[in-house]
Amino acid sequence: MFDDDNTNAIRTSSSINQSLILLRDVSYSGNWLKLTHHINIVSQWHLNHIGKDGDPHHLYCDFAIKFNSSTFPIAILELVVTASSTDLERHYIRILNIPPQLCPDEIWVIYFSCEDNFVPYWPRKRLQKRA
């Protein structure tokens, strides 16, 4: 459900199918959430905060979903593609260290893999309890 007036990232494929419309990955800027629910999807959310050690820390998450009228996100999404269990653990730790003052309702780590014999990986129990 894309509105042509609000979707500015449309391309037509000339080599595959003349009538096929392809949306680029930036098309979420004109998505139905924004149009119908006034929800904005922000990519590369950059967080600056002072850590417990007194030093400035910079955190990034892939996507933050927030209402247009709100300063803080309602959900934070971290995307991971084909990673080792060690890399996944780092992503879990990083996303769960989002400063508490942002207080998102949901934090998701979304893991994609095309590997054969894929074995699901869940964060350790102590990390799950923090969430």
Protein backbone atom coordinates (compact mmCIF):
# COMPACT_ATOMS: atom_id res chain seq x y z
CA MET A 1 0.00 0.00 0.00
CA PHE A 2 2.26 2.77 -1.28
CA ASP A 3 1.02 6.20 -2.22
CA ASP A 4 2.65 7.44 -5.44
CA ASP A 5 2.59 11.03 -4.18
CA ASN A 6 4.53 10.15 -1.03
CA THR A 7 6.85 7.43 -2.34
CA ASN A 8 9.86 9.11 -3.87
CA ALA A 9 12.07 6.07 -4.34
CA ILE A 10 10.43 4.11 -7.16
CA ARG A 11 12.34 2.62 -10.08
CA THR A 12 11.09 0.54 -12.99
CA SER A 13 13.10 -2.46 -14.07
CA SER A 14 13.78 -2.47 -17.81
CA SER A 15 15.75 -5.71 -17.98
CA ILE A 16 13.47 -8.11 -16.06
CA ASN A 17 9.89 -7.08 -16.67
CA GLN A 18 8.82 -3.82 -18.29
CA SER A 19 5.86 -3.33 -15.98
CA LEU A 20 7.54 -4.32 -12.72
CA ILE A 21 7.96 -1.54 -10.17
CA LEU A 22 10.82 -1.97 -7.70
CA LEU A 23 11.08 -0.07 -4.43
CA ARG A 24 14.52 0.86 -3.19
CA ASP A 25 15.41 0.21 0.44
CA VAL A 26 14.87 3.88 1.27
CA SER A 27 11.18 3.65 0.41
CA TYR A 28 10.24 3.39 4.09
CA SER A 29 10.31 7.20 4.12
CA GLY A 30 6.91 7.13 2.43
CA ASN A 31 5.43 4.05 4.01
CA TRP A 32 1.88 3.37 5.19
CA LEU A 33 2.79 3.73 8.88
CA LYS A 34 3.72 7.34 8.29
CA LEU A 35 0.61 8.03 6.27
CA THR A 36 -2.00 6.28 8.39
CA HIS A 37 -0.62 6.22 11.94
CA HIS A 38 1.79 9.19 12.00
CA ILE A 39 4.68 6.88 12.82
CA ASN A 40 8.16 7.70 11.55
CA ILE A 41 10.89 5.14 10.85
CA VAL A 42 14.34 6.59 11.46
CA SER A 43 17.37 4.78 10.08
CA GLN A 44 20.76 4.88 11.78
CA TRP A 45 19.52 6.32 15.08
CA HIS A 46 22.57 7.86 16.74
CA LEU A 47 22.64 8.08 20.53
CA ASN A 48 25.07 10.21 22.52
CA HIS A 49 25.17 9.78 26.27
CA ILE A 50 27.53 9.95 29.22
CA GLY A 51 28.31 6.49 30.56
CA LYS A 52 28.77 5.39 34.16
CA ASP A 53 32.49 5.97 33.65
CA GLY A 54 31.82 9.67 32.94
CA ASP A 55 32.96 9.41 29.31
CA PRO A 56 30.80 10.18 26.27
CA HIS A 57 29.51 7.09 24.48
CA HIS A 58 28.10 6.79 20.97
CA LEU A 59 25.56 4.08 20.21
CA TYR A 60 23.86 3.31 16.93
CA CYS A 61 20.86 1.20 16.12
CA ASP A 62 19.65 0.36 12.64
CA PHE A 63 16.07 1.56 12.96
CA ALA A 64 13.98 3.42 15.49
CA ILE A 65 10.22 3.64 15.20
CA LYS A 66 8.59 6.66 16.78
CA PHE A 67 5.41 8.68 16.64
CA ASN A 68 5.88 11.97 14.81
CA SER A 69 4.77 13.85 17.93
CA SER A 70 7.25 12.07 20.22
CA THR A 71 10.94 12.64 20.87
CA PHE A 72 11.59 9.06 21.98
CA PRO A 73 11.23 5.83 19.99
CA ILE A 74 8.53 3.26 20.73
CA ALA A 75 10.68 0.47 19.25
CA ILE A 76 14.33 -0.03 18.37
CA LEU A 77 15.41 -2.58 15.76
CA GLU A 78 18.90 -3.97 15.26
CA LEU A 79 19.45 -5.89 12.00
CA VAL A 80 22.09 -8.60 11.80
CA VAL A 81 23.00 -10.65 8.73
CA THR A 82 24.85 -13.99 8.94
CA ALA A 83 26.87 -13.59 12.12
CA SER A 84 28.73 -15.88 14.49
CA SER A 85 27.32 -16.45 17.97
CA THR A 86 30.03 -14.11 19.33
CA ASP A 87 28.96 -11.33 16.94
CA LEU A 88 25.31 -11.90 17.81
CA GLU A 89 26.12 -11.66 21.51
CA ARG A 90 27.82 -8.29 20.87
CA HIS A 91 24.72 -7.04 19.07
CA TYR A 92 22.50 -8.18 21.95
CA ILE A 93 24.72 -6.45 24.50
CA ARG A 94 24.94 -3.26 22.45
CA ILE A 95 21.20 -2.94 21.83
CA LEU A 96 20.38 -3.72 25.46
CA ASN A 97 22.71 -0.91 26.55
CA ILE A 98 20.39 1.67 25.02
CA PRO A 99 20.20 4.44 27.61
CA PRO A 100 17.17 3.86 29.85
CA GLN A 101 15.95 7.43 29.44
CA LEU A 102 14.88 6.53 25.88
CA CYS A 103 12.54 3.89 27.38
CA PRO A 104 11.43 2.17 24.16
CA ASP A 105 8.50 -0.23 24.57
CA GLU A 106 10.23 -2.85 22.42
CA ILE A 107 13.81 -3.75 21.50
CA TRP A 108 14.30 -6.28 18.71
CA VAL A 109 17.38 -7.94 17.25
CA ILE A 110 16.38 -9.28 13.83
CA TYR A 111 18.77 -11.90 12.48
CA PHE A 112 18.86 -12.96 8.82
CA SER A 113 20.90 -15.90 7.57
CA CYS A 114 21.11 -17.89 4.33
CA GLU A 115 23.46 -20.47 5.82
CA ASP A 116 22.76 -24.19 5.52
CA ASN A 117 22.24 -25.99 8.83
CA PHE A 118 21.49 -22.74 10.61
CA VAL A 119 21.23 -23.08 14.40
CA PRO A 120 19.16 -20.37 16.15
CA TYR A 121 21.00 -18.39 18.79
CA TRP A 122 19.37 -16.76 21.81
CA PRO A 123 21.09 -14.35 24.18
CA ARG A 124 22.21 -15.65 27.53
CA LYS A 125 19.58 -15.75 30.30
CA ARG A 126 21.04 -12.74 32.12
CA LEU A 127 20.71 -10.63 28.95
CA GLN A 128 17.15 -11.82 28.42
CA LYS A 129 16.28 -10.78 31.97
CA ARG A 130 17.65 -7.28 31.33
CA ALA A 131 15.29 -6.87 28.42
